[in-house]
Protein backbone atom coordinates (compact mmCIF):
# COMPACT_ATOMS: atom_id res chain seq x y z
CA MET A 1 68.80 176.88 100.05
CA GLN A 2 68.59 175.09 96.43
CA LEU A 3 70.83 172.18 95.45
CA ILE A 4 71.60 172.25 91.71
CA GLY A 5 72.55 168.80 90.12
CA MET A 6 71.40 165.32 88.89
CA LEU A 7 71.39 162.63 91.68
CA ASP A 8 73.24 160.32 89.52
CA SER A 9 76.39 162.08 90.46
CA PRO A 10 77.99 161.20 93.55
CA TYR A 11 78.99 164.68 94.69
CA VAL A 12 75.15 165.85 94.36
CA ARG A 13 73.63 162.87 96.08
CA ARG A 14 76.50 162.92 98.75
CA VAL A 15 74.83 166.57 99.61
CA ALA A 16 70.90 165.80 99.18
CA ILE A 17 71.14 162.86 101.52
CA ALA A 18 73.17 164.67 104.17
CA LEU A 19 70.69 167.39 103.85
CA ILE A 20 67.77 164.92 104.07
CA MET A 21 69.06 163.04 107.18
CA ALA A 22 69.65 166.24 108.62
CA LYS A 23 66.20 168.27 107.76
CA THR A 24 67.58 170.62 106.69
CA PRO A 25 65.30 172.53 104.41
CA PHE A 26 66.28 172.94 100.88
CA ILE A 27 64.58 172.63 97.44
CA HIS A 28 66.52 170.17 94.74
CA ARG A 29 66.59 171.01 90.92
CA PRO A 30 68.08 168.35 89.23
CA ILE A 31 69.62 170.14 86.24
CA SER A 32 71.91 168.39 83.97
CA LEU A 33 75.52 170.12 83.18
CA PHE A 34 75.47 168.13 79.49
CA ARG A 35 71.83 168.45 78.44
CA HIS A 36 70.76 171.87 80.38
CA ILE A 37 73.56 173.55 79.96
CA ASP A 38 72.15 177.21 79.06
CA GLN A 39 70.06 176.82 82.64
CA PHE A 40 72.99 175.47 84.62
CA SER A 41 75.18 177.98 83.26
CA LYS A 42 72.85 180.96 84.66
CA VAL A 43 73.01 179.15 87.83
CA ASN A 44 76.89 178.84 87.74
CA PRO A 45 78.54 179.36 84.79
CA LEU A 46 81.47 176.96 85.82
CA LEU A 47 79.19 173.96 85.28
CA LYS A 48 80.17 172.46 88.41
CA ALA A 49 77.72 170.09 90.42
CA PRO A 50 76.68 169.99 92.76
CA THR A 51 76.16 174.01 93.04
CA LEU A 52 74.11 175.22 96.35
CA VAL A 53 72.58 178.67 96.21
CA THR A 54 72.52 179.71 99.64
CA ASP A 55 69.27 181.75 100.93
CA ASP A 56 71.16 185.11 100.27
CA GLY A 57 72.02 184.14 96.74
CA VAL A 58 75.45 182.95 96.86
CA ALA A 59 76.29 180.19 94.95
CA LEU A 60 78.77 177.76 96.25
CA MET A 61 80.21 174.85 94.59
CA ASP A 62 82.36 171.76 95.72
CA SER A 63 80.56 168.82 97.57
CA SER A 64 82.80 169.20 100.51
CA VAL A 65 82.57 172.98 100.40
CA ILE A 66 79.20 172.63 100.40
CA LEU A 67 79.11 170.34 103.76
CA ASP A 68 81.45 173.10 105.55
CA TYR A 69 78.89 175.79 104.81
CA LEU A 70 76.16 173.87 105.72
CA ALA A 71 77.84 172.66 109.19
CA GLY A 72 78.39 176.07 110.05
CA VAL A 73 74.82 177.48 109.37
CA ASP A 74 73.13 173.95 110.62
CA PRO A 75 73.93 171.91 114.02
CA ARG A 76 72.30 169.03 112.56
CA ILE A 77 74.69 169.05 109.42
CA ALA A 78 77.51 169.62 111.99
CA ALA A 79 76.85 166.73 114.08
CA LEU A 80 77.39 164.49 110.55
CA ALA A 81 80.88 165.78 110.49
CA PRO A 82 83.75 163.77 112.30
CA SER A 83 84.88 166.58 113.80
CA THR A 84 82.14 165.99 116.39
CA ALA A 85 83.06 162.34 117.12
CA PRO A 86 85.13 161.14 119.59
CA GLU A 87 88.78 159.65 118.82
CA PRO A 88 89.59 156.83 117.44
CA GLN A 89 86.38 157.24 115.58
CA ARG A 90 87.23 160.55 114.28
CA LEU A 91 90.12 159.63 112.85
CA ALA A 92 88.39 156.65 111.29
CA ALA A 93 86.12 159.24 109.90
CA LEU A 94 88.80 161.24 108.22
CA ARG A 95 90.64 158.44 106.83
CA ALA A 96 87.31 157.02 105.29
CA ALA A 97 87.76 160.05 103.44
CA LEU A 98 89.63 158.16 100.79
CA ALA A 99 86.30 157.63 99.23
CA LEU A 100 86.44 160.95 97.90
CA THR A 101 89.81 159.71 95.60
CA VAL A 102 87.08 156.43 94.50
CA MET A 103 84.70 159.08 93.65
CA GLU A 104 86.91 161.20 91.88
CA LYS A 105 88.38 158.32 90.08
CA ALA A 106 85.24 156.43 89.22
CA VAL A 107 84.18 159.73 87.87
CA GLN A 108 87.14 160.15 85.63
CA ARG A 109 87.17 156.73 84.53
CA HIS A 110 83.27 156.95 83.13
CA TYR A 111 83.56 160.43 81.99
CA GLU A 112 86.77 159.25 79.95
CA ARG A 113 85.04 156.53 77.92
CA MET A 114 81.81 158.25 77.63
CA LEU A 115 82.70 161.75 76.37
CA ARG A 116 86.07 160.89 75.03
CA PRO A 117 86.81 158.51 71.44
CA ALA A 118 88.28 155.13 72.12
CA GLU A 119 91.20 156.16 69.31
CA LYS A 120 91.69 159.36 71.85
CA GLN A 121 91.88 157.60 75.25
CA HIS A 122 95.46 157.35 76.74
CA GLY A 123 96.18 153.82 78.07
CA PRO A 124 98.58 154.49 80.38
CA TRP A 125 96.08 157.31 82.11
CA VAL A 126 93.55 155.00 82.27
CA ASP A 127 95.47 152.29 83.58
CA ARG A 128 96.79 154.54 86.53
CA VAL A 129 93.16 155.77 86.98
CA MET A 130 91.54 152.03 87.71
CA GLY A 131 94.41 151.71 89.79
CA GLN A 132 94.06 154.20 92.16
CA LEU A 133 90.13 153.43 91.89
CA THR A 134 90.77 149.52 93.05
CA ALA A 135 92.98 150.65 95.41
CA GLY A 136 90.77 152.70 97.25
CA LEU A 137 87.97 150.44 96.85
CA SER A 138 90.31 147.93 98.98
CA ALA A 139 91.42 150.21 101.54
CA LEU A 140 87.37 150.86 102.20
CA ASP A 141 86.53 146.60 102.18
CA VAL A 142 89.37 146.29 104.81
CA GLU A 143 88.72 149.68 106.67
CA LEU A 144 85.00 150.09 106.98
CA PRO A 145 83.37 148.47 110.09
CA GLY A 146 81.29 144.98 109.27
CA SER A 147 78.54 146.11 111.14
CA GLY A 148 76.95 149.75 112.04
CA TRP A 149 78.75 152.80 111.29
CA ILE A 150 82.20 154.41 111.04
CA ALA A 151 81.82 156.71 114.13
CA SER A 152 79.08 154.78 115.74
CA GLU A 153 76.22 157.20 114.11
CA LEU A 154 76.07 157.70 110.36
CA GLY A 155 77.56 160.45 109.07
CA VAL A 156 79.39 162.20 106.25
CA ALA A 157 82.36 159.91 105.90
CA ASP A 158 79.71 156.71 105.68
CA ILE A 159 77.55 158.70 102.92
CA THR A 160 80.38 159.39 101.18
CA ALA A 161 81.59 155.68 101.11
CA VAL A 162 78.00 154.62 99.94
CA CYS A 163 77.65 157.23 97.01
CA ALA A 164 81.34 155.82 95.66
CA PHE A 165 80.66 152.54 96.20
CA GLY A 166 77.03 152.92 93.94
CA PHE A 167 78.22 155.10 91.43
CA THR A 168 81.37 152.56 90.53
CA HIS A 169 79.11 149.72 90.99
CA SER A 170 76.47 151.26 88.54
CA LEU A 171 78.17 152.72 85.78
CA LEU A 172 81.64 150.78 86.20
CA ALA A 173 80.26 147.13 86.75
CA ASP A 174 82.05 146.02 83.53
CA VAL A 175 85.25 147.36 84.45
CA VAL A 176 85.44 147.18 88.17
CA ASP A 177 84.18 143.62 89.58
CA THR A 178 82.65 145.17 92.47
CA GLY A 179 82.16 141.67 94.29
CA ARG A 180 85.75 141.77 95.46
CA TYR A 181 84.86 144.33 97.96
CA PRO A 182 81.98 142.32 99.95
CA ASN A 183 82.49 144.37 103.27
CA LEU A 184 82.04 147.78 101.23
CA GLY A 185 79.03 145.96 99.24
CA ALA A 186 77.51 144.97 102.41
CA PHE A 187 78.32 148.30 104.23
CA SER A 188 76.36 150.06 101.22
CA ALA A 189 73.93 147.86 101.01
CA ARG A 190 72.93 148.61 104.74
CA ALA A 191 72.79 152.67 104.12
CA GLU A 192 71.22 152.05 100.86
CA ALA A 193 68.13 150.52 102.59
CA LEU A 194 67.51 153.75 104.96
CA PRO A 195 64.92 156.05 103.92
CA ALA A 196 67.22 159.03 103.37
CA PHE A 197 69.24 157.15 100.83
CA ARG A 198 65.65 155.62 99.36
CA ALA A 199 64.93 159.65 99.22
CA ALA A 200 67.70 160.23 96.85
CA PRO A 201 68.45 157.77 94.54
CA ALA A 202 71.42 157.61 92.13
CA VAL A 203 69.36 157.94 88.74
CA ASP A 204 69.14 160.24 86.22
CA GLY A 205 66.04 162.69 86.59
CA ALA A 206 65.49 161.79 90.41
CA ILE A 207 63.94 164.12 92.28
CA ALA A 208 65.07 164.30 96.39
CA PRO A 209 62.02 165.62 98.15
CA THR A 210 61.67 169.20 99.16
CA ILE A 211 62.21 170.14 102.75
CA ALA A 212 60.43 173.09 103.84
CA ASP A 213 60.79 175.39 106.61
């Protein structure tokens, strides 16, 4: 399998870390949606990252769809999903999926100011996105455990929260005071120290290690 996309995308990183944790064989190809448009379009003309190319040559997109597919073909990926956790940990893991909204709003805010001229940005829309982003961060800060992981063992929900916070902290620190979320910050720091997270850093051009069959 091939994972297509840059690790500075929280969505690409989310999938990469899950694959690394599960030791699922894959090759990472860090192709940029912006700098390598022609190359990316040959893999996926919809230009959506991450894209996973299966061993059968089928291109899948959207990190949640990709993880759902992977859970069906590799029980080690399935073990990272909340469906395998007992209650109430399963409910907590599903609730922590609000980190996907944090991720979405952080990416929207980043692209708004990076790709759209300042005079073209719509203030009320920016305010709405920022309100959603900070509300999500506040909820995660309150609800994430102060020690350990959401469902006892580290899983997709934890990975998602950490990738969302890391992207926000790295690229939006001038407009989002991430110090207001100390529990979320400490939770993320614990995860970022782990080998799977260090192997897939949120750095433009970084390459996740190839895992062979």
